[in-house]
């Protein structure tokens, strides 16, 4: 898999190195469809960019069936259904253009989607404009309103303990495992919205930057579980967790990233380490509180 990933990234990087200077041109590769009548100037420019940088994985028709797709895991995004993991908007709604641009610039962790930071702002806008032509949803729906993220609460041992209790209560451990290794009892059964097997996030595998699929900051992590990752079993917890309480879960999840130096891990260590979070009610690896709420939907992580 590492060899395949490197090969795919090499193809993409070569395309970037040779094509960015030509990106403003109007020439279209032979054998590919030309833009449909009625396309804006921005969409037409985006079409050329898409053929240079995106078609290899996402396919000519934006359905995720490019030439490289059979060798990629997880599979490339299907733009025809306009369902996106990384959003600032509520679950089930369309993302903002800025959400799509952030993904384009950042790339997607634990996938073959690289960062396209070298593209100019205009290139990014044009590419997003073209990608949106693949789905009728963009013509009939408006993006959702971004969720409101309250100021982060203090990082202290009381917050981490409450976060640990929430982790148990809403049964995060069923997918992510008791230690956050992505090895919970449901992990091997999960599939994405196209019925492809998918694994939960392994917190322990994160490097020192603590990067997640949709970002790196505590605010990004807050946003992930309050909006959910659409198309995956990772639901939104907006209707289950109070906004300020969600920060407690953020603080606890950060302690599971054992390869990352963080204030959360320092606070936990000073308080005596992970064993200080255990209570008689949740010591068992196989049980969670009786009033827990399971929130796993069909789809991929």
Protein backbone atom coordinates (compact mmCIF):
# COMPACT_ATOMS: atom_id res chain seq x y z
CA UNK A 1 0.00 0.00 0.00
CA UNK A 2 2.88 2.38 0.81
CA UNK A 3 4.39 1.73 -2.66
CA UNK A 4 1.03 2.41 -4.33
CA UNK A 5 0.58 5.58 -2.29
CA UNK A 6 4.04 6.83 -3.26
CA UNK A 7 3.40 6.01 -6.93
CA UNK A 8 0.09 7.89 -6.95
CA UNK A 9 1.61 10.87 -5.19
CA UNK A 10 4.51 10.91 -7.63
CA UNK A 11 2.08 11.02 -10.55
CA UNK A 12 0.21 13.90 -8.93
CA UNK A 13 3.37 15.83 -8.05
CA UNK A 14 4.76 15.40 -11.56
CA UNK A 15 1.47 16.71 -12.92
CA UNK A 16 1.76 19.73 -10.63
CA UNK A 17 5.36 20.41 -11.57
CA UNK A 18 4.69 20.28 -15.30
CA UNK A 19 1.19 21.67 -15.43
CA UNK A 20 0.79 24.63 -13.10
CA UNK A 21 2.46 26.98 -15.55
CA UNK A 22 0.00 25.84 -18.22
CA UNK A 23 -3.06 25.86 -15.99
CA UNK A 24 -4.38 29.13 -17.34
CA UNK A 25 -4.39 27.76 -20.88
CA UNK A 26 -7.49 26.59 -22.71
CA UNK A 27 -6.13 23.40 -24.29
CA UNK A 28 -7.97 20.24 -23.27
CA UNK A 29 -6.47 16.76 -23.36
CA UNK A 30 -7.54 14.71 -26.36
CA UNK A 31 -10.18 12.07 -25.64
CA UNK A 32 -11.78 13.88 -22.70
CA UNK A 33 -15.13 15.67 -22.86
CA UNK A 34 -15.09 19.43 -23.28
CA UNK A 35 -17.04 21.74 -20.96
CA UNK A 36 -20.79 21.76 -21.52
CA UNK A 37 -22.53 24.79 -22.99
CA UNK A 38 -23.46 27.30 -20.33
CA UNK A 39 -20.31 26.85 -18.25
CA UNK A 40 -18.99 30.06 -16.73
CA UNK A 41 -15.48 31.24 -17.55
CA UNK A 42 -14.37 30.06 -14.09
CA UNK A 43 -15.89 26.60 -14.63
CA UNK A 44 -14.17 26.30 -18.01
CA UNK A 45 -10.79 27.14 -16.47
CA UNK A 46 -11.56 24.69 -13.66
CA UNK A 47 -12.29 21.99 -16.23
CA UNK A 48 -8.75 22.29 -17.59
CA UNK A 49 -7.28 22.17 -14.09
CA UNK A 50 -9.38 19.13 -13.20
CA UNK A 51 -8.10 17.21 -16.23
CA UNK A 52 -4.51 18.01 -15.28
CA UNK A 53 -4.62 17.27 -11.57
CA UNK A 54 -7.77 15.42 -10.50
CA UNK A 55 -9.01 13.15 -13.26
CA UNK A 56 -6.50 10.38 -12.49
CA UNK A 57 -8.23 9.58 -9.22
CA UNK A 58 -11.68 11.19 -9.34
CA UNK A 59 -12.47 10.22 -12.93
CA UNK A 60 -13.66 12.07 -16.02
CA UNK A 61 -17.20 12.28 -14.70
CA UNK A 62 -16.27 13.04 -11.10
CA UNK A 63 -17.61 9.72 -9.86
CA UNK A 64 -14.41 8.58 -8.15
CA UNK A 65 -13.64 6.03 -10.86
CA UNK A 66 -10.38 7.39 -12.26
CA UNK A 67 -7.60 5.20 -13.61
CA UNK A 68 -5.86 5.16 -10.23
CA UNK A 69 -9.01 4.44 -8.21
CA UNK A 70 -8.66 0.61 -8.13
CA UNK A 71 -5.31 0.98 -6.38
CA UNK A 72 -6.36 3.58 -3.82
CA UNK A 73 -7.72 3.01 -0.31
CA UNK A 74 -9.78 4.85 0.80
CA UNK A 75 -11.44 5.43 -2.56
CA UNK A 76 -11.46 8.86 -4.20
CA UNK A 77 -14.39 11.19 -3.47
CA UNK A 78 -17.47 10.82 -5.69
CA UNK A 79 -18.40 14.41 -6.55
CA UNK A 80 -21.67 13.39 -8.22
CA UNK A 81 -23.38 12.85 -4.85
CA UNK A 82 -21.93 16.01 -3.27
CA UNK A 83 -21.32 14.34 0.10
CA UNK A 84 -18.22 15.60 1.88
CA UNK A 85 -16.51 14.56 5.10
CA UNK A 86 -14.77 17.82 5.97
CA UNK A 87 -17.28 20.61 6.50
CA UNK A 88 -18.08 23.45 8.86
CA UNK A 89 -21.79 22.93 8.15
CA UNK A 90 -24.26 20.54 9.86
CA UNK A 91 -24.46 16.90 8.86
CA UNK A 92 -26.40 16.28 5.65
CA UNK A 93 -25.82 19.77 4.27
CA UNK A 94 -23.57 21.05 1.53
CA UNK A 95 -20.22 22.52 2.57
CA UNK A 96 -19.10 26.10 2.05
CA UNK A 97 -16.69 26.83 -0.78
CA UNK A 98 -14.15 27.67 1.92
CA UNK A 99 -14.53 24.13 3.34
CA UNK A 100 -13.70 22.63 -0.05
CA UNK A 101 -10.75 24.98 -0.51
CA UNK A 102 -9.40 24.07 2.94
CA UNK A 103 -9.50 20.39 1.93
CA UNK A 104 -7.80 21.20 -1.35
CA UNK A 105 -5.02 23.12 0.38
CA UNK A 106 -4.64 20.81 3.39
CA UNK A 107 -5.08 17.44 1.69
CA UNK A 108 -6.75 14.55 3.53
CA UNK A 109 -4.78 12.71 6.20
CA UNK A 110 -4.47 8.89 5.88
CA UNK A 111 -5.50 9.05 2.22
CA UNK A 112 -3.90 9.58 -1.20
CA UNK A 113 -5.34 13.10 -1.44
CA UNK A 114 -2.29 15.40 -1.28
CA UNK A 115 -2.11 19.08 -0.49
CA UNK A 116 -2.57 21.28 -3.55
CA UNK A 117 -1.13 24.34 -1.85
CA UNK A 118 0.97 25.38 -4.92
CA UNK A 119 -2.22 26.25 -6.82
CA UNK A 120 -3.04 29.95 -6.87
CA UNK A 121 -6.16 31.34 -5.20
CA UNK A 122 -7.75 31.78 -8.62
CA UNK A 123 -6.88 28.21 -9.60
CA UNK A 124 -8.51 26.92 -6.42
CA UNK A 125 -11.67 28.94 -6.97
CA UNK A 126 -11.92 27.73 -10.57
CA UNK A 127 -11.36 24.11 -9.60
CA UNK A 128 -14.07 24.26 -6.92
CA UNK A 129 -16.45 25.90 -9.40
CA UNK A 130 -15.94 23.00 -11.83
CA UNK A 131 -16.20 20.26 -9.20
CA UNK A 132 -19.61 21.64 -8.22
CA UNK A 133 -20.91 21.04 -11.77
CA UNK A 134 -20.86 17.27 -11.19
CA UNK A 135 -23.89 17.28 -8.87
CA UNK A 136 -27.35 18.79 -9.27
CA UNK A 137 -27.44 19.35 -5.51
CA UNK A 138 -25.47 22.57 -5.96
CA UNK A 139 -28.28 23.92 -8.17
CA UNK A 140 -31.14 23.05 -5.82
CA UNK A 141 -29.60 23.40 -2.35
CA UNK A 142 -27.66 26.04 -0.49
CA UNK A 143 -24.75 25.23 1.80
CA UNK A 144 -25.63 24.87 5.46
CA UNK A 145 -24.95 27.54 8.04
CA UNK A 146 -21.58 26.93 9.73
CA UNK A 147 -21.87 25.55 13.24
CA UNK A 148 -21.00 27.90 16.06
CA UNK A 149 -17.92 26.93 18.04
CA UNK A 150 -17.78 28.47 21.53
CA UNK A 151 -14.47 29.56 23.06
CA UNK A 152 -12.40 26.62 24.27
CA UNK A 153 -12.83 25.79 27.94
CA UNK A 154 -9.78 25.43 30.26
CA UNK A 155 -7.66 22.32 29.86
CA UNK A 156 -7.60 20.76 33.32
CA UNK A 157 -7.91 17.28 34.78
CA UNK A 158 -11.62 17.82 35.54
CA UNK A 159 -12.29 18.52 31.84
CA UNK A 160 -10.28 15.46 30.77
CA UNK A 161 -12.18 13.25 33.22
CA UNK A 162 -15.53 14.53 31.92
CA UNK A 163 -14.31 13.90 28.38
CA UNK A 164 -13.37 10.34 29.32
CA UNK A 165 -16.86 9.81 30.72
CA UNK A 166 -18.40 11.15 27.49
CA UNK A 167 -16.17 8.82 25.45
CA UNK A 168 -17.70 5.95 27.42
CA UNK A 169 -21.25 7.29 27.49
CA UNK A 170 -21.68 7.82 23.73
CA UNK A 171 -19.73 4.62 23.02
CA UNK A 172 -16.86 6.08 21.01
CA UNK A 173 -14.91 3.01 22.15
CA UNK A 174 -17.08 0.65 20.08
CA UNK A 175 -15.32 1.90 16.95
CA UNK A 176 -12.17 3.61 18.21
CA UNK A 177 -11.33 1.15 20.99
CA UNK A 178 -10.79 1.82 24.68
CA UNK A 179 -7.30 3.23 24.03
CA UNK A 180 -8.26 4.98 20.79
CA UNK A 181 -6.33 2.55 18.59
CA UNK A 182 -9.18 2.12 16.08
CA UNK A 183 -9.68 -1.46 17.24
CA UNK A 184 -13.11 -1.38 18.89
CA UNK A 185 -15.50 -4.35 18.58
CA UNK A 186 -17.34 -2.68 15.66
CA UNK A 187 -14.20 -1.59 13.80
CA UNK A 188 -13.94 -4.57 11.47
CA UNK A 189 -17.60 -4.31 10.39
CA UNK A 190 -17.65 -0.66 9.26
CA UNK A 191 -18.28 0.36 5.66
CA UNK A 192 -18.63 3.68 3.90
CA UNK A 193 -21.59 4.98 1.91
CA UNK A 194 -20.45 2.93 -1.09
CA UNK A 195 -20.20 -0.23 1.00
CA UNK A 196 -16.40 -0.14 1.02
CA UNK A 197 -14.67 -1.37 4.22
CA UNK A 198 -13.26 1.47 6.29
CA UNK A 199 -11.31 1.72 9.53
CA UNK A 200 -11.90 4.11 12.43
CA UNK A 201 -9.28 6.73 13.20
CA UNK A 202 -6.35 5.48 15.27
CA UNK A 203 -5.45 8.29 17.69
CA UNK A 204 -2.23 6.58 18.73
CA UNK A 205 -0.93 6.60 15.14
CA UNK A 206 -0.91 10.39 14.88
CA UNK A 207 2.50 12.04 14.71
CA UNK A 208 3.67 14.97 16.81
CA UNK A 209 1.49 17.37 14.78
CA UNK A 210 -1.60 15.45 15.93
CA UNK A 211 -3.17 15.72 12.48
CA UNK A 212 -6.71 14.48 11.89
CA UNK A 213 -8.47 13.72 8.61
CA UNK A 214 -10.03 17.20 8.56
CA UNK A 215 -7.48 19.34 10.33
CA UNK A 216 -4.99 19.60 13.15
CA UNK A 217 -6.23 22.06 15.79
CA UNK A 218 -8.51 21.49 18.77
CA UNK A 219 -11.13 23.56 16.96
CA UNK A 220 -10.87 21.23 13.95
CA UNK A 221 -11.41 18.22 16.19
CA UNK A 222 -14.40 19.89 17.84
CA UNK A 223 -15.85 20.56 14.39
CA UNK A 224 -15.36 16.94 13.27
CA UNK A 225 -17.57 15.35 15.89
CA UNK A 226 -20.12 18.18 15.99
CA UNK A 227 -20.68 18.02 12.20
CA UNK A 228 -19.85 14.36 11.62
CA UNK A 229 -18.01 12.96 8.61
CA UNK A 230 -20.77 12.53 6.04
CA UNK A 231 -20.62 9.34 4.00
CA UNK A 232 -19.09 7.49 6.96
CA UNK A 233 -20.28 5.87 10.22
CA UNK A 234 -18.87 8.88 12.13
CA UNK A 235 -22.03 10.76 13.13
CA UNK A 236 -22.63 14.27 14.33
CA UNK A 237 -22.91 14.56 18.10
CA UNK A 238 -24.52 18.00 17.94
CA UNK A 239 -27.85 16.66 19.24
CA UNK A 240 -26.22 14.57 21.98
CA UNK A 241 -23.44 16.67 23.50
CA UNK A 242 -23.81 20.21 24.82
CA UNK A 243 -21.50 22.67 23.01
CA UNK A 244 -19.27 23.42 26.01
CA UNK A 245 -19.20 19.75 27.05
CA UNK A 246 -17.80 18.91 23.62
CA UNK A 247 -14.55 20.63 24.60
CA UNK A 248 -14.18 18.03 27.37
CA UNK A 249 -14.22 15.28 24.74
CA UNK A 250 -11.66 17.19 22.65
CA UNK A 251 -9.35 17.39 25.66
CA UNK A 252 -9.68 13.69 26.44
CA UNK A 253 -9.15 12.61 22.82
CA UNK A 254 -5.94 14.59 22.70
CA UNK A 255 -4.58 12.47 25.57
CA UNK A 256 -4.98 9.39 23.38
CA UNK A 257 -2.44 10.77 20.89
CA UNK A 258 0.54 9.21 22.62
CA UNK A 259 3.05 10.43 20.02
CA UNK A 260 2.06 14.06 20.41
CA UNK A 261 3.31 16.51 23.01
CA UNK A 262 0.31 18.45 24.23
CA UNK A 263 -0.98 20.41 27.18
CA UNK A 264 -3.69 17.76 27.63
CA UNK A 265 -1.16 14.96 28.04
CA UNK A 266 0.95 17.05 30.41
CA UNK A 267 -2.10 17.76 32.58
CA UNK A 268 -3.02 14.07 32.64
CA UNK A 269 0.53 13.01 33.50
CA UNK A 270 0.72 15.52 36.36
CA UNK A 271 -2.54 14.13 37.75
CA UNK A 272 -1.22 10.56 37.81
CA UNK A 273 -1.73 9.28 34.26
CA UNK A 274 -4.58 7.40 32.52
CA UNK A 275 -5.35 5.21 35.55
CA UNK A 276 -6.71 8.28 37.33
CA UNK A 277 -9.57 8.34 34.82
CA UNK A 278 -10.81 4.85 35.68
CA UNK A 279 -13.87 4.55 37.88
CA UNK A 280 -15.56 1.41 39.27
CA UNK A 281 -18.31 1.89 36.69
CA UNK A 282 -16.05 1.97 33.62
CA UNK A 283 -13.02 -0.18 34.44
CA UNK A 284 -14.26 -2.97 32.16
CA UNK A 285 -12.89 -3.01 28.62
CA UNK A 286 -16.09 -4.59 27.37
CA UNK A 287 -18.79 -2.55 29.03
CA UNK A 288 -19.98 1.04 28.96
CA UNK A 289 -22.49 2.85 31.17
CA UNK A 290 -26.03 1.55 30.94
CA UNK A 291 -27.33 4.94 29.80
CA UNK A 292 -24.99 5.12 26.81
CA UNK A 293 -26.23 6.21 23.39
CA UNK A 294 -24.98 4.42 20.27
CA UNK A 295 -24.56 6.77 17.31
CA UNK A 296 -23.13 4.80 14.41
CA UNK A 297 -24.73 5.19 11.02
CA UNK A 298 -24.14 3.43 7.72
CA UNK A 299 -21.10 4.72 5.87
CA UNK A 300 -17.29 4.95 6.21
CA UNK A 301 -14.98 6.65 8.66
